[in-house]
Structure formats: structure tokens, C-alpha cells
Protein backbone atom coordinates (compact mmCIF):
# COMPACT_ATOMS: atom_id res chain seq x y z
CA MET A 1 -31.83 -3.13 -0.37
CA MET A 2 -34.80 -2.53 -2.64
CA LYS A 3 -34.99 -4.57 -5.83
CA ASP A 4 -37.95 -2.63 -7.30
CA LYS A 5 -37.14 1.08 -7.30
CA SER A 6 -40.86 1.96 -7.22
CA GLN A 7 -41.37 0.05 -3.95
CA ILE A 8 -39.62 1.40 -0.87
CA THR A 9 -39.84 0.24 2.73
CA ALA A 10 -38.92 3.01 5.16
CA LEU A 11 -38.68 2.72 8.94
CA LEU A 12 -39.67 5.93 10.74
CA ILE A 13 -38.46 6.03 14.35
CA GLU A 14 -40.47 8.91 15.83
CA ASP A 15 -42.45 9.29 19.07
CA ASN A 16 -44.36 12.48 18.16
CA PRO A 17 -47.79 11.51 16.67
CA SER A 18 -48.06 14.82 14.79
CA ASP A 19 -44.70 14.31 13.08
CA VAL A 20 -45.59 10.71 12.25
CA LEU A 21 -48.83 11.88 10.62
CA LEU A 22 -46.99 14.62 8.71
CA VAL A 23 -44.41 12.24 7.26
CA ARG A 24 -47.09 9.68 6.38
CA LYS A 25 -49.10 12.29 4.45
CA MET A 26 -46.02 13.56 2.64
CA LEU A 27 -45.18 10.08 1.39
CA GLN A 28 -48.67 9.07 0.26
CA HIS A 29 -48.70 8.74 -3.55
CA ALA A 30 -45.46 10.74 -3.60
CA SER A 31 -43.60 11.49 -6.82
CA PHE A 32 -41.35 14.17 -8.24
CA SER A 33 -40.43 15.38 -11.71
CA GLY A 34 -38.41 12.92 -13.77
CA LEU A 35 -39.22 9.92 -11.56
CA THR A 36 -41.95 7.33 -11.84
CA PRO A 37 -44.43 7.21 -8.94
CA ILE A 38 -42.99 5.60 -5.82
CA SER A 39 -44.91 3.61 -3.27
CA VAL A 40 -43.49 3.98 0.23
CA ASN A 41 -44.37 1.36 2.83
CA LEU A 42 -43.88 3.28 6.07
CA VAL A 43 -43.11 1.22 9.18
CA ILE A 44 -43.53 3.14 12.45
CA ALA A 45 -41.55 2.73 15.67
CA ASN A 46 -42.10 5.04 18.67
CA ARG A 47 -38.87 4.13 20.43
CA LEU A 48 -35.35 3.21 19.39
CA GLN A 49 -35.61 -0.28 20.86
CA GLU A 50 -38.84 -0.85 18.97
CA GLY A 51 -37.08 0.27 15.79
CA LEU A 52 -34.19 -2.12 16.40
CA THR A 53 -36.69 -4.94 16.86
CA SER A 54 -38.43 -4.05 13.60
CA LEU A 55 -35.13 -4.05 11.72
CA GLY A 56 -34.39 -7.50 13.06
CA GLU A 57 -37.73 -8.79 11.79
CA GLN A 58 -37.88 -7.22 8.32
CA THR A 59 -35.67 -5.60 5.72
CA CYS A 60 -35.93 -1.84 5.34
CA ASP A 61 -34.43 0.23 2.54
CA VAL A 62 -33.94 3.35 4.65
CA ILE A 63 -34.36 4.60 8.22
CA LEU A 64 -35.85 7.99 9.13
CA LEU A 65 -34.59 8.79 12.62
CA ASP A 66 -35.69 11.42 15.13
CA LEU A 67 -33.03 12.43 17.65
CA SER A 68 -35.39 13.03 20.60
CA LEU A 69 -36.77 9.65 21.62
CA PRO A 70 -37.98 8.42 25.02
CA ASP A 71 -35.21 5.81 25.24
CA ALA A 72 -32.42 7.58 23.33
CA PHE A 73 -31.36 11.15 22.75
CA GLY A 74 -29.11 12.88 20.27
CA LEU A 75 -26.63 11.11 18.02
CA ASP A 76 -26.30 8.20 20.45
CA SER A 77 -29.43 6.73 18.86
CA PHE A 78 -27.80 6.92 15.42
CA LEU A 79 -24.64 5.24 16.68
CA GLN A 80 -26.67 2.35 18.10
CA LEU A 81 -28.44 1.90 14.76
CA LYS A 82 -25.20 2.06 12.82
CA HIS A 83 -23.54 -0.48 15.13
CA LYS A 84 -26.31 -3.09 14.82
CA PHE A 85 -27.41 -2.43 11.21
CA PRO A 86 -24.42 -0.88 9.42
CA THR A 87 -25.68 -1.58 5.88
CA THR A 88 -29.00 0.27 6.20
CA PRO A 89 -28.77 3.99 5.33
CA VAL A 90 -30.07 6.50 7.88
CA ILE A 91 -31.63 9.92 7.28
CA ILE A 92 -31.98 12.06 10.38
CA LEU A 93 -35.22 14.08 10.84
CA SER A 94 -34.78 16.54 13.67
CA GLY A 95 -35.89 19.86 15.02
CA ASN A 96 -32.29 20.55 16.06
CA THR A 97 -30.83 22.98 13.54
CA ALA A 98 -27.41 23.43 15.18
CA LYS A 99 -24.70 23.29 12.50
CA GLU A 100 -22.38 21.40 14.84
CA THR A 101 -24.92 18.59 15.22
CA VAL A 102 -25.58 18.46 11.47
CA MET A 103 -21.85 18.27 10.66
CA GLU A 104 -21.15 15.64 13.30
CA ALA A 105 -24.06 13.49 12.11
CA VAL A 106 -22.77 13.46 8.54
CA GLN A 107 -19.18 12.87 9.66
CA ILE A 108 -20.11 9.76 11.66
CA GLY A 109 -22.07 8.24 8.79
CA ALA A 110 -25.58 9.67 8.47
CA GLN A 111 -26.59 9.80 4.80
CA ASP A 112 -28.45 13.10 5.25
CA TYR A 113 -29.85 15.46 7.87
CA LEU A 114 -33.24 17.15 7.35
CA THR A 115 -34.71 19.73 9.73
CA LYS A 116 -38.41 19.31 10.38
CA ASN A 117 -39.23 23.00 9.97
CA ASP A 118 -37.92 22.98 6.39
CA LEU A 119 -39.37 19.61 5.40
CA THR A 120 -41.50 19.28 2.25
CA ALA A 121 -42.93 16.23 0.52
CA ASP A 122 -40.74 16.77 -2.54
CA LEU A 123 -37.58 17.23 -0.46
CA LEU A 124 -38.31 14.18 1.69
CA LEU A 125 -38.97 11.89 -1.27
CA LYS A 126 -35.95 13.08 -3.22
CA THR A 127 -33.73 12.61 -0.18
CA ILE A 128 -35.04 9.08 0.42
CA TYR A 129 -34.64 8.07 -3.21
CA TYR A 130 -31.16 9.52 -3.68
CA THR A 131 -30.02 8.14 -0.32
CA ILE A 132 -31.04 4.62 -1.31
CA GLU A 133 -29.43 4.94 -4.74
CA ARG A 134 -26.23 6.40 -3.33
CA HIS A 135 -26.01 3.68 -0.71
CA ARG A 136 -26.66 0.98 -3.31
CA LEU A 137 -23.85 2.31 -5.49
CA LEU A 138 -21.54 2.48 -2.47
CA LEU A 139 -22.26 -1.16 -1.63
CA GLU A 140 -21.56 -2.14 -5.24
CA ILE A 141 -18.23 -0.32 -5.13
CA GLN A 142 -17.33 -2.05 -1.87
CA GLN A 143 -18.28 -5.45 -3.30
CA ARG A 144 -16.20 -4.82 -6.42
CA ALA A 145 -13.28 -3.67 -4.29
CA GLU A 146 -13.51 -6.86 -2.23
CA MET A 147 -13.72 -8.93 -5.41
CA LEU A 148 -10.66 -7.18 -6.86
CA GLU A 149 -8.81 -7.70 -3.58
CA ASP A 150 -9.61 -11.43 -3.69
CA GLN A 151 -8.45 -11.58 -7.32
CA ASN A 152 -5.23 -9.73 -6.45
CA ILE A 153 -4.54 -12.16 -3.62
CA ALA A 154 -5.12 -15.13 -5.93
CA LEU A 155 -2.93 -13.56 -8.64
CA ASN A 156 -0.22 -12.78 -6.09
CA ASP A 157 -0.26 -16.36 -4.81
CA PHE A 158 -0.03 -17.67 -8.38
CA ALA A 159 2.82 -15.28 -9.21
CA HIS A 160 4.76 -16.33 -6.10
CA THR A 161 4.30 -20.02 -6.89
CA LEU A 162 5.34 -19.54 -10.52
CA ALA A 163 8.30 -17.36 -9.55
CA HIS A 164 9.61 -19.91 -7.06
CA GLN A 165 9.27 -22.65 -9.68
CA ILE A 166 11.24 -20.57 -12.16
CA GLN A 167 13.87 -19.84 -9.52
CA GLY A 168 14.17 -23.55 -8.88
CA LEU A 169 14.79 -24.22 -12.57
CA LEU A 170 17.29 -21.35 -12.72
CA SER A 171 19.15 -22.76 -9.73
CA GLN A 172 19.47 -26.11 -11.50
CA MET A 173 20.67 -24.42 -14.68
CA VAL A 174 23.25 -22.31 -12.88
CA GLY A 175 24.27 -25.27 -10.74
CA TYR A 176 24.97 -27.50 -13.74
CA ALA A 177 26.80 -24.67 -15.51
CA SER A 178 28.90 -24.08 -12.39
CA LEU A 179 29.67 -27.81 -12.22
CA VAL A 180 30.86 -27.80 -15.83
CA ASP A 181 32.89 -24.65 -15.20
CA SER A 182 34.65 -26.04 -12.13
CA HIS A 183 35.26 -29.64 -13.26
CA TYR A 184 35.61 -29.53 -17.04
CA GLN A 185 37.02 -26.08 -17.72
CA GLU A 186 40.32 -27.37 -19.11
CA GLN A 187 38.48 -29.63 -21.56
CA LEU A 188 36.37 -26.79 -22.94
CA SER A 189 37.28 -24.55 -25.81
CA THR A 190 37.42 -20.80 -25.22
CA PRO A 191 33.99 -20.19 -26.85
CA ALA A 192 32.50 -23.00 -24.75
CA ARG A 193 33.93 -21.54 -21.53
CA GLN A 194 32.53 -18.15 -22.47
CA ALA A 195 29.13 -19.72 -23.14
CA VAL A 196 29.12 -21.46 -19.76
CA ASP A 197 30.10 -18.21 -18.07
CA GLN A 198 27.30 -16.38 -19.89
CA ILE A 199 24.79 -19.01 -18.76
CA MET A 200 25.81 -18.50 -15.13
CA GLN A 201 25.75 -14.70 -15.36
CA SER A 202 22.33 -14.68 -17.06
CA GLY A 203 21.00 -17.09 -14.47
CA TYR A 204 22.18 -14.87 -11.62
CA LYS A 205 20.64 -11.80 -13.25
CA MET A 206 17.30 -13.50 -13.91
CA ASN A 207 17.16 -14.79 -10.35
CA ASN A 208 17.87 -11.29 -9.00
CA VAL A 209 15.14 -9.76 -11.16
CA ILE A 210 12.59 -12.32 -9.95
CA THR A 211 13.64 -11.76 -6.33
CA GLU A 212 13.28 -8.00 -6.70
CA LEU A 213 9.83 -8.28 -8.29
CA LEU A 214 8.62 -10.57 -5.51
CA PHE A 215 10.09 -8.25 -2.91
CA LEU A 216 8.43 -5.21 -4.47
CA ALA A 217 5.06 -6.97 -4.56
CA SER A 218 5.30 -8.01 -0.91
CA MET A 219 6.16 -4.46 0.18
CA ARG A 220 2.78 -3.14 -0.97
CA SER A 221 0.82 -5.29 1.44
CA GLU A 222 3.30 -6.14 4.20
CA THR A 223 2.98 -4.47 7.59
CA VAL A 224 6.26 -4.62 9.50
CA GLN A 225 7.64 -3.75 12.91
CA MET A 226 10.62 -1.40 13.00
CA ASN A 227 13.35 -2.55 15.39
CA VAL A 228 16.95 -1.73 16.30
CA LEU A 229 19.20 -2.84 13.43
CA ASP A 230 22.36 -4.92 13.66
CA ASN A 231 24.22 -3.63 10.60
CA ARG A 232 27.16 -5.97 11.01
CA ARG A 233 24.85 -8.98 10.81
CA ILE A 234 22.90 -7.47 7.90
CA LEU A 235 26.07 -6.77 5.91
CA ALA A 236 27.45 -10.24 6.65
CA GLU A 237 24.34 -11.69 5.02
CA VAL A 238 24.67 -9.31 2.04
CA VAL A 239 28.30 -10.32 1.51
CA LYS A 240 27.23 -13.96 1.65
CA ARG A 241 24.57 -13.38 -1.01
CA LEU A 242 27.07 -11.51 -3.24
CA ARG A 243 30.01 -13.84 -2.68
CA TYR A 244 30.21 -14.90 -6.36
CA GLN A 245 30.27 -11.30 -7.59
CA ILE A 246 32.82 -10.33 -4.95
CA ARG A 247 35.05 -13.25 -5.89
CA GLU A 248 34.72 -12.60 -9.62
CA THR A 249 35.46 -8.87 -9.38
CA LYS A 250 38.14 -9.30 -6.69
CA ALA A 251 36.52 -6.40 -4.88
CA VAL A 252 37.98 -4.83 -1.76
CA ILE A 253 35.28 -4.01 0.81
CA LYS A 254 36.06 -1.77 3.77
CA ALA A 255 33.56 -1.38 6.61
CA PRO A 256 33.77 0.04 10.15
CA GLU A 257 33.88 -2.21 13.20
CA SER A 258 30.98 -0.39 14.86
CA TRP A 259 27.91 1.40 13.52
CA PRO A 260 25.55 4.10 14.79
CA VAL A 261 22.36 2.44 15.98
CA ALA A 262 19.30 3.02 13.78
CA VAL A 263 15.83 1.51 13.58
CA GLY A 264 14.24 -0.21 10.60
CA TYR A 265 13.04 -3.55 9.29
CA ALA A 266 16.10 -5.75 8.86
CA PRO A 267 14.98 -7.70 5.72
CA TRP A 268 14.22 -4.43 3.96
CA ILE A 269 17.51 -2.78 4.91
CA GLU A 270 19.36 -5.89 3.83
CA GLU A 271 17.77 -5.42 0.40
CA VAL A 272 18.92 -1.78 0.33
CA TRP A 273 22.52 -2.72 1.07
CA LEU A 274 22.29 -5.57 -1.44
CA ASN A 275 21.20 -3.22 -4.23
CA TYR A 276 23.81 -0.59 -3.42
CA MET A 277 26.64 -3.09 -3.08
CA SER A 278 25.63 -5.10 -6.15
CA ASN A 279 25.63 -1.93 -8.25
CA ALA A 280 28.98 -0.89 -6.83
CA LEU A 281 30.46 -4.26 -7.76
CA LYS A 282 29.14 -3.94 -11.31
CA TYR A 283 29.90 -0.30 -11.98
CA GLY A 284 32.21 0.86 -9.19
CA SER A 285 35.56 0.36 -10.87
CA LYS A 286 37.46 1.87 -13.80
CA ASP A 287 40.37 0.96 -16.04
CA GLY A 288 39.84 -2.73 -15.24
CA GLU A 289 40.94 -2.36 -11.62
CA PRO A 290 39.12 -4.30 -8.86
CA PRO A 291 36.43 -2.12 -7.27
CA VAL A 292 37.19 -0.65 -3.85
CA LEU A 293 34.05 -0.16 -1.76
CA GLN A 294 34.08 1.95 1.40
CA LEU A 295 31.05 1.61 3.69
CA GLY A 296 30.23 3.91 6.56
CA ALA A 297 27.64 5.83 8.56
CA THR A 298 27.38 9.18 10.30
CA ARG A 299 24.81 10.82 12.55
CA VAL A 300 23.06 13.78 10.94
CA ASN A 301 20.56 16.37 12.11
CA ASN A 302 16.97 15.65 13.18
CA GLY A 303 17.80 12.34 14.83
CA MET A 304 18.76 10.51 11.64
CA VAL A 305 21.67 8.27 10.66
CA ARG A 306 23.12 8.43 7.15
CA PHE A 307 24.53 5.16 5.79
CA TRP A 308 26.67 5.24 2.67
CA ILE A 309 28.76 3.24 0.24
CA ALA A 310 31.47 4.91 -1.85
CA ASP A 311 33.09 3.28 -4.88
CA SER A 312 36.11 3.89 -7.08
CA GLY A 313 34.17 3.94 -10.33
CA PRO A 314 33.92 6.43 -13.20
CA GLY A 315 31.25 8.55 -11.53
CA ILE A 316 27.79 9.48 -12.79
CA PRO A 317 26.76 12.50 -14.90
CA GLU A 318 24.71 15.05 -12.99
CA LEU A 319 21.69 14.61 -15.29
CA ASP A 320 21.60 10.88 -14.61
CA GLN A 321 21.91 11.34 -10.84
CA LYS A 322 18.47 12.97 -10.73
CA ARG A 323 16.85 10.03 -12.54
CA LEU A 324 18.51 7.05 -10.88
CA PHE A 325 15.82 6.29 -8.30
CA ARG A 326 12.88 6.53 -10.70
CA PRO A 327 11.26 3.21 -11.70
CA HIS A 328 12.20 1.77 -15.11
CA THR A 329 14.77 4.50 -15.79
CA ARG A 330 17.83 3.93 -17.94
CA VAL A 331 20.66 6.38 -17.77
CA THR A 332 22.54 7.76 -20.74
CA SER A 333 25.73 5.73 -20.28
CA LYS A 334 25.67 1.95 -20.58
CA LYS A 335 28.63 1.82 -18.20
CA ILE A 336 26.65 3.45 -15.42
CA ARG A 337 23.93 1.99 -13.22
CA GLY A 338 21.15 1.38 -15.71
CA GLU A 339 18.83 -0.93 -13.78
CA GLY A 340 16.16 1.39 -12.39
CA LEU A 341 14.12 -1.38 -10.75
CA GLY A 342 16.64 -2.05 -7.98
CA LEU A 343 17.15 1.59 -7.06
CA SER A 344 13.41 2.28 -7.18
CA ILE A 345 12.99 -0.52 -4.65
CA VAL A 346 15.61 1.17 -2.47
CA TRP A 347 13.65 4.43 -2.69
CA ARG A 348 10.38 2.70 -1.74
CA ILE A 349 11.95 0.90 1.22
CA ILE A 350 13.61 3.96 2.69
CA GLN A 351 10.54 6.12 2.12
CA LYS A 352 8.40 3.62 4.04
CA SER A 353 11.09 3.50 6.73
CA GLY A 354 10.96 7.26 7.30
CA GLY A 355 14.23 8.15 5.58
CA GLU A 356 15.67 9.52 2.35
CA VAL A 357 17.99 8.30 -0.41
CA GLY A 358 20.51 10.05 -2.61
CA VAL A 359 23.80 9.98 -4.46
CA LYS A 360 26.81 12.25 -4.61
CA SER A 361 29.05 11.72 -7.59
CA THR A 362 31.66 13.46 -9.71
CA GLU A 363 32.60 12.07 -13.11
CA GLY A 364 35.99 10.41 -12.93
CA GLU A 365 36.04 10.37 -9.12
CA GLY A 366 33.56 7.68 -8.11
CA SER A 367 30.13 7.73 -6.51
CA CYS A 368 28.71 7.70 -3.00
CA PHE A 369 25.19 6.32 -2.57
CA TRP A 370 23.46 6.97 0.76
CA PHE A 371 20.26 6.45 2.70
CA THR A 372 19.02 7.69 6.06
CA LEU A 373 17.12 5.97 8.86
CA PRO A 374 15.82 7.18 12.23
CA GLU A 375 18.40 6.86 14.99
CA SER A 376 17.45 4.51 17.80
CA PRO A 377 16.34 6.40 20.94
CA LYS A 378 18.36 3.84 22.91
CA ALA A 379 21.59 4.85 21.20
């Protein structure tokens, strides 16, 4: 790409001597209003292969390409140039005025398309200059995008490393607190036992927040393969991950023996069930009674399966139901699901999986959270 804007090297691939002479005359001492004089070094090639050879031997700022050459015809010549020298902009000079050809040329990457019958010195020079400038800016944008992508990768790697280190420290903290709680509980005063319990609960919450943030970050770049889901296995893993909450709340969990077969990415769907069930354990009871969670699934229209979890909690106001799945949303009642991050992750997962999410709730009668996934064609 040109470093001095007043010096341009242009490769003209043209086999017609009259057209070569015309272009050469147009570009001699060329200038236009508002621009300093430009010197154009015009390199001539009579055939496409000769032009390709010239491009391999020297750097050109722009290519002027005729579409009727002895060794190439039509847009095939442009495609060959683009394949071998993708970073050099191409302007097509042709006697073909068909709109279909013009549109196709631009769509496949030509910077501009000028018809020979309408060509003027001013138009040719302006087109060359603006083509080079536009292409230069495009390359700068691409380079900045690549630089930002590299920085994002480095930042993501750093964040993952730091997060795992923090999780390791949290595990130690919770582990020691759990040890004190299980072995020295009788020796502790009531305030001390409450403090130990608070340490464990805060540790669990912090660990869950870090896990959710890491999961959300990985979703943005991860490409996954959707497969047939084994919901019994997925839920067994969820119950294992929530075993402390289940034990503490004395929750009753009811699930069917068999499930409709759907497709999805198992680690993602596990995270959906984890969020729904964790919220149900926290908020799905009333009057101090252990929460009762009913899980299920039904086939719905359009080849989808709706999975759901119903709780015995106080229900959710209608206004809050519409806001639950928005990121960073807090609902009006502190007793009702106020952690928008987890439910926004659920929404992102199911959206990327081709389904929908929702909630049906009546105050005083509990809530039913659901999500849909495509049914397996093998079902």
C-alpha cells in the first residue's frame, strides 16, 4: 500500500493498445480539485498471467482490470487476482455495461466498476484515489479488529486463571469452615456457629457467581455440537452439585422416570437446570416449610419439548415475571428471585439452543419455570 499519497503505482491489465494509450494519457499529470497533484506510475500487462507475474515482482497500490483478455474472460479473471493477491484493490474497466455484471463484480469484492464509454480523466483519478484510501482504511480496521481479538483472548485467559485461583482459595475457606462446623460445633457459641455458617454460605455464593461469569464468557466464543440429551444423567449431576443446598433446605424433589428426548448441548442444559433448581431451593418455599420441587416435560407444537420445574413458593408478581430474564435485573420483592445474572444465562443458553424460556406464576400459589428445546428426530 502506498506510503506517499502523491505517488501511486497502478497495474493496468489490458490487451487493447488504444485503451492502454487512453488510460495512460488520462493519468499523465492528473489532478482534481481539492487534491495535490498525483504521479501515477502505470505498469502495463497485456494478459492476466503477465499481470500476475508483475504483481509477484513488485508492489502495486491498485489494479485496473479489463474483463476481455486473451487468456481470461469475464469475472473469472477478477477471481484469479483476488485469490492470489487478496490485499490489492481492483477496479474493473470494461465495455460491458450489463447491470448484472456490475452488481456481481461489486458483490464478489471489486472496489469499483467503470465503463470505458463513460470514462474521464477526473473520474478515473478520483476512483483510483478513493479506492486506495478506502482499502487502506479497511485494512486498518481489520488490523485493529485482530489486535482487539488478541487482547480479548489474552484478557480472557488472564480472567480464567485468576478466577480459578480465587475459586481455589474459596474452596479452602469453605472447607476449613465446614471442618469447624462438623467437628467443633458443640464447642462454639451461637454467634460463632452463625459466623461459620455465614462464611460457608458466602463462599458458596461467591463460587457460583464466578462459575456463572466464566460460563457466560465461554458461551460467547464456544462453538458446540447439539446432541441427544440424557436428562436423567444431567439432573443427577445437578443434584450432586446442589447436594448441600438440598440437605440444608430438606427439599423434596420429584422427577419422572422417563423423559421426552430432546437435542442440545449437555453442559449448557445442565447449567439451565442448575439455575432453575438453585432458585427453587432458595425461593420455592413459604411459611418455613421445606420446598417441594416437581420436575417434568411435555411435547408441544412445532417439534419442541417443554421442560419445567414447579415449586411450592410464594409466587412472583406479574410485573416481576416480565423482567426476570433480563441481565442485572432485581425484582421488587427481596423474597423473590433477585439474581438476574443466572436467569439471563438461562435465556442466552436456550436462545442459542433454538428454544424459549418463560415462567408461569400466581402469587401465593408457587411458580413454574420452563424452557423448550427441539425434539430429537429419533424420538
